């Protein structure tokens, strides 16, 4: 099984693989042309062009703890701030919330 994000541009008639997140997709957020997707194993990717190109979100660099860290939720607010909630060990805390300005 190939885990990742799939996209349809024709109301579900066909699907294409948009990006690989390594494991299950646990968080997905969209705002305008920007898409954020997260999963287990510290995966957090962002596209600024509706999924044509993907980059590792800089917030991922904060997840230096064990591989048990997983992104559980992603959301954009009205100002374009990306909120990322995760679970697992991060230094001495279990779970936390990070924010990234637009």
PDB file of N, CA and C in Angstrom:
ATOM      1  N   UNK A   1       0.846  -1.183   0.000  1.00  0.00           N
ATOM      2  CA  UNK A   1       0.000   0.000   0.000  1.00  0.00           C
ATOM      3  C   UNK A   1       0.885   1.238   0.000  1.00  0.00           C
ATOM      4  N   UNK A   2       0.539   2.203  -0.822  1.00  0.00           N
ATOM      5  CA  UNK A   2       1.272   3.451  -0.912  1.00  0.00           C
ATOM      6  C   UNK A   2       0.527   4.514  -0.105  1.00  0.00           C
ATOM      7  N   UNK A   3       1.141   4.937   0.994  1.00  0.00           N
ATOM      8  CA  UNK A   3       0.521   5.980   1.804  1.00  0.00           C
ATOM      9  C   UNK A   3       0.839   7.339   1.213  1.00  0.00           C
ATOM     10  N   UNK A   4      -0.072   8.237   1.303  1.00  0.00           N
ATOM     11  CA  UNK A   4       0.176   9.575   0.816  1.00  0.00           C
ATOM     12  C   UNK A   4      -1.123  10.288   0.538  1.00  0.00           C
ATOM     13  N   UNK A   5      -1.005  11.362  -0.189  1.00  0.00           N
ATOM     14  CA  UNK A   5      -2.140  12.200  -0.514  1.00  0.00           C
ATOM     15  C   UNK A   5      -2.462  12.033  -1.996  1.00  0.00           C
ATOM     16  N   UNK A   6      -3.724  11.821  -2.291  1.00  0.00           N
ATOM     17  CA  UNK A   6      -4.196  11.675  -3.667  1.00  0.00           C
ATOM     18  C   UNK A   6      -5.137  12.829  -3.986  1.00  0.00           C
ATOM     19  N   UNK A   7      -5.181  13.228  -5.241  1.00  0.00           N
ATOM     20  CA  UNK A   7      -5.996  14.369  -5.643  1.00  0.00           C
ATOM     21  C   UNK A   7      -6.800  14.011  -6.892  1.00  0.00           C
ATOM     22  N   UNK A   8      -7.996  14.585  -6.949  1.00  0.00           N
ATOM     23  CA  UNK A   8      -8.821  14.450  -8.150  1.00  0.00           C
ATOM     24  C   UNK A   8      -9.142  15.848  -8.661  1.00  0.00           C
ATOM     25  N   UNK A   9      -9.142  15.997  -9.949  1.00  0.00           N
ATOM     26  CA  UNK A   9      -9.472  17.291 -10.565  1.00  0.00           C
ATOM     27  C   UNK A   9     -10.714  17.180 -11.446  1.00  0.00           C
ATOM     28  N   UNK A  10     -11.349  15.991 -11.409  1.00  0.00           N
ATOM     29  CA  UNK A  10     -12.528  15.764 -12.240  1.00  0.00           C
ATOM     30  C   UNK A  10     -13.669  15.129 -11.439  1.00  0.00           C
ATOM     31  N   UNK A  11     -13.843  15.635 -10.224  1.00  0.00           N
ATOM     32  CA  UNK A  11     -14.939  15.208  -9.339  1.00  0.00           C
ATOM     33  C   UNK A  11     -14.915  13.708  -9.045  1.00  0.00           C
ATOM     34  N   UNK A  12     -13.717  13.136  -8.915  1.00  0.00           N
ATOM     35  CA  UNK A  12     -13.581  11.757  -8.488  1.00  0.00           C
ATOM     36  C   UNK A  12     -13.517  10.699  -9.568  1.00  0.00           C
ATOM     37  N   UNK A  13     -13.588  11.087 -10.822  1.00  0.00           N
ATOM     38  CA  UNK A  13     -13.494  10.076 -11.888  1.00  0.00           C
ATOM     39  C   UNK A  13     -12.098   9.457 -11.945  1.00  0.00           C
ATOM     40  N   UNK A  14     -11.071  10.272 -11.785  1.00  0.00           N
ATOM     41  CA  UNK A  14      -9.703   9.771 -11.764  1.00  0.00           C
ATOM     42  C   UNK A  14      -8.971  10.397 -10.578  1.00  0.00           C
ATOM     43  N   UNK A  15      -7.948   9.687 -10.106  1.00  0.00           N
ATOM     44  CA  UNK A  15      -7.156  10.142  -8.966  1.00  0.00           C
ATOM     45  C   UNK A  15      -5.679  10.023  -9.310  1.00  0.00           C
ATOM     46  N   UNK A  16      -4.885  10.953  -8.804  1.00  0.00           N
ATOM     47  CA  UNK A  16      -3.440  10.874  -8.983  1.00  0.00           C
ATOM     48  C   UNK A  16      -2.748  11.073  -7.639  1.00  0.00           C
ATOM     49  N   UNK A  17      -1.598  10.445  -7.502  1.00  0.00           N
ATOM     50  CA  UNK A  17      -0.812  10.545  -6.278  1.00  0.00           C
ATOM     51  C   UNK A  17      -0.167  11.927  -6.240  1.00  0.00           C
ATOM     52  N   UNK A  18      -0.461  12.722  -5.206  1.00  0.00           N
ATOM     53  CA  UNK A  18       0.059  14.085  -5.115  1.00  0.00           C
ATOM     54  C   UNK A  18       1.395  14.137  -4.380  1.00  0.00           C
ATOM     55  N   UNK A  19       1.495  13.432  -3.247  1.00  0.00           N
ATOM     56  CA  UNK A  19       2.745  13.424  -2.490  1.00  0.00           C
ATOM     57  C   UNK A  19       2.761  12.265  -1.521  1.00  0.00           C
ATOM     58  N   UNK A  20       3.933  11.891  -1.114  1.00  0.00           N
ATOM     59  CA  UNK A  20       4.162  10.818  -0.154  1.00  0.00           C
ATOM     60  C   UNK A  20       4.450  11.439   1.207  1.00  0.00           C
ATOM     61  N   UNK A  21       3.782  10.985   2.242  1.00  0.00           N
ATOM     62  CA  UNK A  21       4.088  11.475   3.581  1.00  0.00           C
ATOM     63  C   UNK A  21       4.729  10.398   4.444  1.00  0.00           C
ATOM     64  N   UNK A  22       4.977   9.242   3.898  1.00  0.00           N
ATOM     65  CA  UNK A  22       5.660   8.178   4.619  1.00  0.00           C
ATOM     66  C   UNK A  22       4.723   7.182   5.268  1.00  0.00           C
ATOM     67  N   UNK A  23       3.670   7.669   5.851  1.00  0.00           N
ATOM     68  CA  UNK A  23       2.661   6.812   6.485  1.00  0.00           C
ATOM     69  C   UNK A  23       1.301   7.445   6.295  1.00  0.00           C
ATOM     70  N   UNK A  24       0.368   7.064   7.134  1.00  0.00           N
ATOM     71  CA  UNK A  24      -0.999   7.584   6.993  1.00  0.00           C
ATOM     72  C   UNK A  24      -1.037   9.107   7.065  1.00  0.00           C
ATOM     73  N   UNK A  25      -1.943   9.693   6.296  1.00  0.00           N
ATOM     74  CA  UNK A  25      -2.218  11.127   6.386  1.00  0.00           C
ATOM     75  C   UNK A  25      -3.115  11.330   7.605  1.00  0.00           C
ATOM     76  N   UNK A  26      -2.653  12.162   8.546  1.00  0.00           N
ATOM     77  CA  UNK A  26      -3.417  12.420   9.762  1.00  0.00           C
ATOM     78  C   UNK A  26      -3.906  13.856   9.842  1.00  0.00           C
ATOM     79  N   UNK A  27      -3.286  14.759   9.122  1.00  0.00           N
ATOM     80  CA  UNK A  27      -3.699  16.151   9.132  1.00  0.00           C
ATOM     81  C   UNK A  27      -3.675  16.724   7.730  1.00  0.00           C
ATOM     82  N   UNK A  28      -4.712  17.438   7.371  1.00  0.00           N
ATOM     83  CA  UNK A  28      -4.794  18.050   6.047  1.00  0.00           C
ATOM     84  C   UNK A  28      -5.487  19.396   6.190  1.00  0.00           C
ATOM     85  N   UNK A  29      -4.875  20.437   5.623  1.00  0.00           N
ATOM     86  CA  UNK A  29      -5.464  21.766   5.674  1.00  0.00           C
ATOM     87  C   UNK A  29      -5.267  22.451   4.330  1.00  0.00           C
ATOM     88  N   UNK A  30      -6.251  23.242   3.920  1.00  0.00           N
ATOM     89  CA  UNK A  30      -6.184  23.976   2.662  1.00  0.00           C
ATOM     90  C   UNK A  30      -6.601  25.419   2.902  1.00  0.00           C
ATOM     91  N   UNK A  31      -5.935  26.327   2.202  1.00  0.00           N
ATOM     92  CA  UNK A  31      -6.298  27.745   2.232  1.00  0.00           C
ATOM     93  C   UNK A  31      -5.843  28.348   0.914  1.00  0.00           C
ATOM     94  N   UNK A  32      -6.784  28.716   0.081  1.00  0.00           N
ATOM     95  CA  UNK A  32      -6.427  29.244  -1.230  1.00  0.00           C
ATOM     96  C   UNK A  32      -5.666  28.196  -2.021  1.00  0.00           C
ATOM     97  N   UNK A  33      -4.470  28.532  -2.464  1.00  0.00           N
ATOM     98  CA  UNK A  33      -3.629  27.599  -3.228  1.00  0.00           C
ATOM     99  C   UNK A  33      -2.686  26.807  -2.335  1.00  0.00           C
ATOM    100  N   UNK A  34      -2.707  27.082  -1.034  1.00  0.00           N
ATOM    101  CA  UNK A  34      -1.784  26.434  -0.102  1.00  0.00           C
ATOM    102  C   UNK A  34      -2.428  25.199   0.522  1.00  0.00           C
ATOM    103  N   UNK A  35      -1.665  24.111   0.579  1.00  0.00           N
ATOM    104  CA  UNK A  35      -2.122  22.850   1.163  1.00  0.00           C
ATOM    105  C   UNK A  35      -1.036  22.363   2.111  1.00  0.00           C
ATOM    106  N   UNK A  36      -1.428  21.923   3.297  1.00  0.00           N
ATOM    107  CA  UNK A  36      -0.499  21.324   4.257  1.00  0.00           C
ATOM    108  C   UNK A  36      -0.990  19.928   4.574  1.00  0.00           C
ATOM    109  N   UNK A  37      -0.067  18.977   4.627  1.00  0.00           N
ATOM    110  CA  UNK A  37      -0.416  17.591   4.933  1.00  0.00           C
ATOM    111  C   UNK A  37       0.617  17.034   5.908  1.00  0.00           C
ATOM    112  N   UNK A  38       0.125  16.328   6.908  1.00  0.00           N
ATOM    113  CA  UNK A  38       1.021  15.744   7.900  1.00  0.00           C
ATOM    114  C   UNK A  38       0.639  14.322   8.216  1.00  0.00           C
ATOM    115  N   UNK A  39       1.595  13.598   8.764  1.00  0.00           N
ATOM    116  CA  UNK A  39       1.358  12.208   9.121  1.00  0.00           C
ATOM    117  C   UNK A  39       2.294  11.750  10.209  1.00  0.00           C
ATOM    118  N   UNK A  40       2.428  10.455  10.345  1.00  0.00           N
ATOM    119  CA  UNK A  40       3.346   9.894  11.333  1.00  0.00           C
ATOM    120  C   UNK A  40       4.792  10.129  10.893  1.00  0.00           C
ATOM    121  N   UNK A  41       5.706   9.783  11.745  1.00  0.00           N
ATOM    122  CA  UNK A  41       7.141   9.891  11.445  1.00  0.00           C
ATOM    123  C   UNK A  41       7.556  11.315  11.104  1.00  0.00           C
ATOM    124  N   UNK A  42       6.982  12.272  11.788  1.00  0.00           N
ATOM    125  CA  UNK A  42       7.351  13.691  11.677  1.00  0.00           C
ATOM    126  C   UNK A  42       7.140  14.281  10.302  1.00  0.00           C
ATOM    127  N   UNK A  43       6.292  13.699   9.487  1.00  0.00           N
ATOM    128  CA  UNK A  43       6.070  14.207   8.132  1.00  0.00           C
ATOM    129  C   UNK A  43       5.160  15.426   8.161  1.00  0.00           C
ATOM    130  N   UNK A  44       5.599  16.513   7.560  1.00  0.00           N
ATOM    131  CA  UNK A  44       4.790  17.718   7.410  1.00  0.00           C
ATOM    132  C   UNK A  44       5.237  18.412   6.129  1.00  0.00           C
ATOM    133  N   UNK A  45       4.372  18.398   5.121  1.00  0.00           N
ATOM    134  CA  UNK A  45       4.689  18.950   3.808  1.00  0.00           C
ATOM    135  C   UNK A  45       3.710  20.055   3.457  1.00  0.00           C
ATOM    136  N   UNK A  46       4.183  21.034   2.671  1.00  0.00           N
ATOM    137  CA  UNK A  46       3.339  22.152   2.260  1.00  0.00           C
ATOM    138  C   UNK A  46       3.511  22.381   0.758  1.00  0.00           C
ATOM    139  N   UNK A  47       2.404  22.676   0.099  1.00  0.00           N
ATOM    140  CA  UNK A  47       2.403  23.072  -1.301  1.00  0.00           C
ATOM    141  C   UNK A  47       1.792  24.464  -1.390  1.00  0.00           C
ATOM    142  N   UNK A  48       2.395  25.313  -2.209  1.00  0.00           N
ATOM    143  CA  UNK A  48       1.869  26.668  -2.414  1.00  0.00           C
ATOM    144  C   UNK A  48       1.196  26.804  -3.776  1.00  0.00           C
ATOM    145  N   UNK A  49       1.078  25.674  -4.508  1.00  0.00           N
ATOM    146  CA  UNK A  49       0.515  25.707  -5.857  1.00  0.00           C
ATOM    147  C   UNK A  49      -0.481  24.559  -6.084  1.00  0.00           C
ATOM    148  N   UNK A  50      -1.348  24.353  -5.109  1.00  0.00           N
ATOM    149  CA  UNK A  50      -2.406  23.340  -5.197  1.00  0.00           C
ATOM    150  C   UNK A  50      -1.872  21.926  -5.400  1.00  0.00           C
ATOM    151  N   UNK A  51      -0.692  21.647  -4.859  1.00  0.00           N
ATOM    152  CA  UNK A  51      -0.171  20.290  -4.898  1.00  0.00           C
ATOM    153  C   UNK A  51       0.733  19.946  -6.064  1.00  0.00           C
ATOM    154  N   UNK A  52       1.059  20.908  -6.909  1.00  0.00           N
ATOM    155  CA  UNK A  52       1.966  20.615  -8.021  1.00  0.00           C
ATOM    156  C   UNK A  52       3.393  20.381  -7.521  1.00  0.00           C
ATOM    157  N   UNK A  53       3.802  21.097  -6.486  1.00  0.00           N
ATOM    158  CA  UNK A  53       5.138  20.961  -5.906  1.00  0.00           C
ATOM    159  C   UNK A  53       5.003  20.950  -4.383  1.00  0.00           C
ATOM    160  N   UNK A  54       5.837  20.166  -3.730  1.00  0.00           N
ATOM    161  CA  UNK A  54       5.780  20.018  -2.268  1.00  0.00           C
ATOM    162  C   UNK A  54       7.147  20.283  -1.665  1.00  0.00           C
ATOM    163  N   UNK A  55       7.143  20.902  -0.480  1.00  0.00           N
ATOM    164  CA  UNK A  55       8.378  21.115   0.271  1.00  0.00           C
ATOM    165  C   UNK A  55       8.157  20.705   1.718  1.00  0.00           C
ATOM    166  N   UNK A  56       9.263  20.344   2.366  1.00  0.00           N
ATOM    167  CA  UNK A  56       9.197  20.033   3.796  1.00  0.00           C
ATOM    168  C   UNK A  56       8.958  21.332   4.548  1.00  0.00           C
ATOM    169  N   UNK A  57       7.934  21.358   5.373  1.00  0.00           N
ATOM    170  CA  UNK A  57       7.626  22.543   6.173  1.00  0.00           C
ATOM    171  C   UNK A  57       8.731  22.751   7.199  1.00  0.00           C
ATOM    172  N   UNK A  58       9.257  23.987   7.343  1.00  0.00           N
ATOM    173  CA  UNK A  58      10.324  24.241   8.319  1.00  0.00           C
ATOM    174  C   UNK A  58       9.971  23.835   9.756  1.00  0.00           C
ATOM    175  N   UNK A  59       8.689  23.820  10.108  1.00  0.00           N
ATOM    176  CA  UNK A  59       8.317  23.364  11.449  1.00  0.00           C
ATOM    177  C   UNK A  59       8.765  21.931  11.701  1.00  0.00           C
ATOM    178  N   UNK A  60       8.935  21.149  10.641  1.00  0.00           N
ATOM    179  CA  UNK A  60       9.372  19.761  10.782  1.00  0.00           C
ATOM    180  C   UNK A  60      10.702  19.682  11.514  1.00  0.00           C
ATOM    181  N   UNK A  61      11.549  20.692  11.357  1.00  0.00           N
ATOM    182  CA  UNK A  61      12.854  20.683  12.013  1.00  0.00           C
ATOM    183  C   UNK A  61      12.737  20.718  13.531  1.00  0.00           C
ATOM    184  N   UNK A  62      11.588  21.117  14.054  1.00  0.00           N
ATOM    185  CA  UNK A  62      11.391  21.114  15.503  1.00  0.00           C
ATOM    186  C   UNK A  62      11.149  19.714  16.045  1.00  0.00           C
ATOM    187  N   UNK A  63      10.776  18.794  15.181  1.00  0.00           N
ATOM    188  CA  UNK A  63      10.461  17.438  15.620  1.00  0.00           C
ATOM    189  C   UNK A  63      11.723  16.597  15.660  1.00  0.00           C
ATOM    190  N   UNK A  64      12.633  16.921  16.559  1.00  0.00           N
ATOM    191  CA  UNK A  64      13.893  16.197  16.641  1.00  0.00           C
ATOM    192  C   UNK A  64      13.826  15.048  17.631  1.00  0.00           C
ATOM    193  N   UNK A  65      12.693  14.869  18.246  1.00  0.00           N
ATOM    194  CA  UNK A  65      12.508  13.810  19.238  1.00  0.00           C
ATOM    195  C   UNK A  65      12.344  12.461  18.547  1.00  0.00           C
ATOM    196  N   UNK A  66      12.008  11.415  19.282  1.00  0.00           N
ATOM    197  CA  UNK A  66      11.878  10.077  18.687  1.00  0.00           C
ATOM    198  C   UNK A  66      10.879  10.030  17.534  1.00  0.00           C
ATOM    199  N   UNK A  67      10.990   8.974  16.735  1.00  0.00           N
ATOM    200  CA  UNK A  67      10.130   8.838  15.565  1.00  0.00           C
ATOM    201  C   UNK A  67       8.667   8.618  15.931  1.00  0.00           C
ATOM    202  N   UNK A  68       8.366   8.520  17.222  1.00  0.00           N
ATOM    203  CA  UNK A  68       6.972   8.351  17.628  1.00  0.00           C
ATOM    204  C   UNK A  68       6.175   9.644  17.484  1.00  0.00           C
ATOM    205  N   UNK A  69       6.847  10.757  17.178  1.00  0.00           N
ATOM    206  CA  UNK A  69       6.155  12.021  16.973  1.00  0.00           C
ATOM    207  C   UNK A  69       5.325  11.929  15.701  1.00  0.00           C
ATOM    208  N   UNK A  70       4.059  12.328  15.780  1.00  0.00           N
ATOM    209  CA  UNK A  70       3.220  12.332  14.583  1.00  0.00           C
ATOM    210  C   UNK A  70       2.347  13.571  14.556  1.00  0.00           C
ATOM    211  N   UNK A  71       2.210  14.137  13.369  1.00  0.00           N
ATOM    212  CA  UNK A  71       1.332  15.278  13.165  1.00  0.00           C
ATOM    213  C   UNK A  71      -0.102  14.768  13.267  1.00  0.00           C
ATOM    214  N   UNK A  72      -0.909  15.380  14.111  1.00  0.00           N
ATOM    215  CA  UNK A  72      -2.283  14.945  14.307  1.00  0.00           C
ATOM    216  C   UNK A  72      -3.301  15.902  13.722  1.00  0.00           C
ATOM    217  N   UNK A  73      -2.925  17.166  13.569  1.00  0.00           N
ATOM    218  CA  UNK A  73      -3.880  18.148  13.060  1.00  0.00           C
ATOM    219  C   UNK A  73      -3.129  19.295  12.399  1.00  0.00           C
ATOM    220  N   UNK A  74      -3.680  19.802  11.310  1.00  0.00           N
ATOM    221  CA  UNK A  74      -3.154  20.990  10.648  1.00  0.00           C
ATOM    222  C   UNK A  74      -4.336  21.883  10.306  1.00  0.00           C
ATOM    223  N   UNK A  75      -4.144  23.189  10.455  1.00  0.00           N
ATOM    224  CA  UNK A  75      -5.218  24.129  10.137  1.00  0.00           C
ATOM    225  C   UNK A  75      -4.614  25.482   9.799  1.00  0.00           C
ATOM    226  N   UNK A  76      -5.213  26.160   8.834  1.00  0.00           N
ATOM    227  CA  UNK A  76      -4.857  27.541   8.520  1.00  0.00           C
ATOM    228  C   UNK A  76      -5.929  28.439   9.111  1.00  0.00           C
ATOM    229  N   UNK A  77      -5.509  29.541   9.749  1.00  0.00           N
ATOM    230  CA  UNK A  77      -6.517  30.505  10.190  1.00  0.00           C
ATOM    231  C   UNK A  77      -6.740  31.523   9.074  1.00  0.00           C
ATOM    232  N   UNK A  78      -7.610  32.494   9.303  1.00  0.00           N
ATOM    233  CA  UNK A  78      -7.964  33.464   8.263  1.00  0.00           C
ATOM    234  C   UNK A  78      -6.778  34.305   7.802  1.00  0.00           C
ATOM    235  N   UNK A  79      -5.775  34.466   8.667  1.00  0.00           N
ATOM    236  CA  UNK A  79      -4.602  35.263   8.314  1.00  0.00           C
ATOM    237  C   UNK A  79      -3.523  34.431   7.625  1.00  0.00           C
ATOM    238  N   UNK A  80      -3.754  33.130   7.465  1.00  0.00           N
ATOM    239  CA  UNK A  80      -2.785  32.269   6.809  1.00  0.00           C
ATOM    240  C   UNK A  80      -1.788  31.624   7.746  1.00  0.00           C
ATOM    241  N   UNK A  81      -2.003  31.767   9.058  1.00  0.00           N
ATOM    242  CA  UNK A  81      -1.126  31.125  10.026  1.00  0.00           C
ATOM    243  C   UNK A  81      -1.424  29.628  10.036  1.00  0.00           C
ATOM    244  N   UNK A  82      -0.374  28.815   9.951  1.00  0.00           N
ATOM    245  CA  UNK A  82      -0.527  27.364   9.981  1.00  0.00           C
ATOM    246  C   UNK A  82      -0.351  26.876  11.410  1.00  0.00           C
ATOM    247  N   UNK A  83      -1.368  26.234  11.953  1.00  0.00           N
ATOM    248  CA  UNK A  83      -1.299  25.611  13.278  1.00  0.00           C
ATOM    249  C   UNK A  83      -1.097  24.122  13.083  1.00  0.00           C
ATOM    250  N   UNK A  84      -0.155  23.558  13.817  1.00  0.00           N
ATOM    251  CA  UNK A  84       0.162  22.135  13.714  1.00  0.00           C
ATOM    252  C   UNK A  84       0.145  21.531  15.107  1.00  0.00           C
ATOM    253  N   UNK A  85      -0.739  20.577  15.305  1.00  0.00           N
ATOM    254  CA  UNK A  85      -0.777  19.854  16.568  1.00  0.00           C
ATOM    255  C   UNK A  85      -0.180  18.479  16.365  1.00  0.00           C
ATOM    256  N   UNK A  86       0.581  18.017  17.351  1.00  0.00           N
ATOM    257  CA  UNK A  86       1.166  16.686  17.216  1.00  0.00           C
ATOM    258  C   UNK A  86       1.139  15.970  18.550  1.00  0.00           C
ATOM    259  N   UNK A  87       1.338  14.661  18.492  1.00  0.00           N
ATOM    260  CA  UNK A  87       1.439  13.861  19.700  1.00  0.00           C
ATOM    261  C   UNK A  87       2.753  13.112  19.672  1.00  0.00           C
ATOM    262  N   UNK A  88       3.148  12.652  20.822  1.00  0.00           N
ATOM    263  CA  UNK A  88       4.417  11.943  20.963  1.00  0.00           C
ATOM    264  C   UNK A  88       5.348  12.748  21.832  1.00  0.00           C
ATOM    265  N   UNK A  89       6.545  12.266  21.986  1.00  0.00           N
ATOM    266  CA  UNK A  89       7.507  12.941  22.845  1.00  0.00           C
ATOM    267  C   UNK A  89       8.217  14.047  22.085  1.00  0.00           C
ATOM    268  N   UNK A  90       8.249  15.212  22.653  1.00  0.00           N
ATOM    269  CA  UNK A  90       9.021  16.335  22.126  1.00  0.00           C
ATOM    270  C   UNK A  90       9.737  16.916  23.329  1.00  0.00           C
ATOM    271  N   UNK A  91      11.024  16.733  23.409  1.00  0.00           N
ATOM    272  CA  UNK A  91      11.840  17.035  24.586  1.00  0.00           C
ATOM    273  C   UNK A  91      11.156  16.431  25.805  1.00  0.00           C
ATOM    274  N   UNK A  92      10.689  17.252  26.727  1.00  0.00           N
ATOM    275  CA  UNK A  92      10.076  16.705  27.941  1.00  0.00           C
ATOM    276  C   UNK A  92       8.554  16.824  27.932  1.00  0.00           C
ATOM    277  N   UNK A  93       7.961  17.123  26.784  1.00  0.00           N
ATOM    278  CA  UNK A  93       6.502  17.291  26.708  1.00  0.00           C
ATOM    279  C   UNK A  93       5.891  16.201  25.857  1.00  0.00           C
ATOM    280  N   UNK A  94       4.637  15.925  26.099  1.00  0.00           N
ATOM    281  CA  UNK A  94       3.882  15.005  25.269  1.00  0.00           C
ATOM    282  C   UNK A  94       2.860  15.834  24.496  1.00  0.00           C
ATOM    283  N   UNK A  95       3.116  15.965  23.228  1.00  0.00           N
ATOM    284  CA  UNK A  95       2.197  16.729  22.391  1.00  0.00           C
ATOM    285  C   UNK A  95       2.381  18.211  22.569  1.00  0.00           C
ATOM    286  N   UNK A  96       2.035  18.958  21.561  1.00  0.00           N
ATOM    287  CA  UNK A  96       2.180  20.397  21.619  1.00  0.00           C
ATOM    288  C   UNK A  96       1.504  21.000  20.392  1.00  0.00           C
ATOM    289  N   UNK A  97       1.572  22.313  20.297  1.00  0.00           N
ATOM    290  CA  UNK A  97       1.011  23.041  19.159  1.00  0.00           C
ATOM    291  C   UNK A  97       2.052  24.025  18.684  1.00  0.00           C
ATOM    292  N   UNK A  98       2.330  23.998  17.385  1.00  0.00           N
ATOM    293  CA  UNK A  98       3.251  24.961  16.791  1.00  0.00           C
ATOM    294  C   UNK A  98       2.480  25.835  15.822  1.00  0.00           C
ATOM    295  N   UNK A  99       2.967  27.067  15.640  1.00  0.00           N
ATOM    296  CA  UNK A  99       2.345  27.994  14.701  1.00  0.00           C
ATOM    297  C   UNK A  99       3.403  28.539  13.772  1.00  0.00           C
ATOM    298  N   UNK A 100       3.005  28.716  12.505  1.00  0.00           N
ATOM    299  CA  UNK A 100       3.891  29.303  11.519  1.00  0.00           C
ATOM    300  C   UNK A 100       3.166  30.459  10.856  1.00  0.00           C
ATOM    301  N   UNK A 101       3.786  31.631  10.827  1.00  0.00           N
ATOM    302  CA  UNK A 101       3.171  32.783  10.166  1.00  0.00           C
ATOM    303  C   UNK A 101       3.168  32.565   8.665  1.00  0.00           C
ATOM    304  N   UNK A 102       2.274  33.276   7.961  1.00  0.00           N
ATOM    305  CA  UNK A 102       2.221  33.117   6.501  1.00  0.00           C
ATOM    306  C   UNK A 102       3.508  33.529   5.815  1.00  0.00           C
TER     307      UNK A 102
END
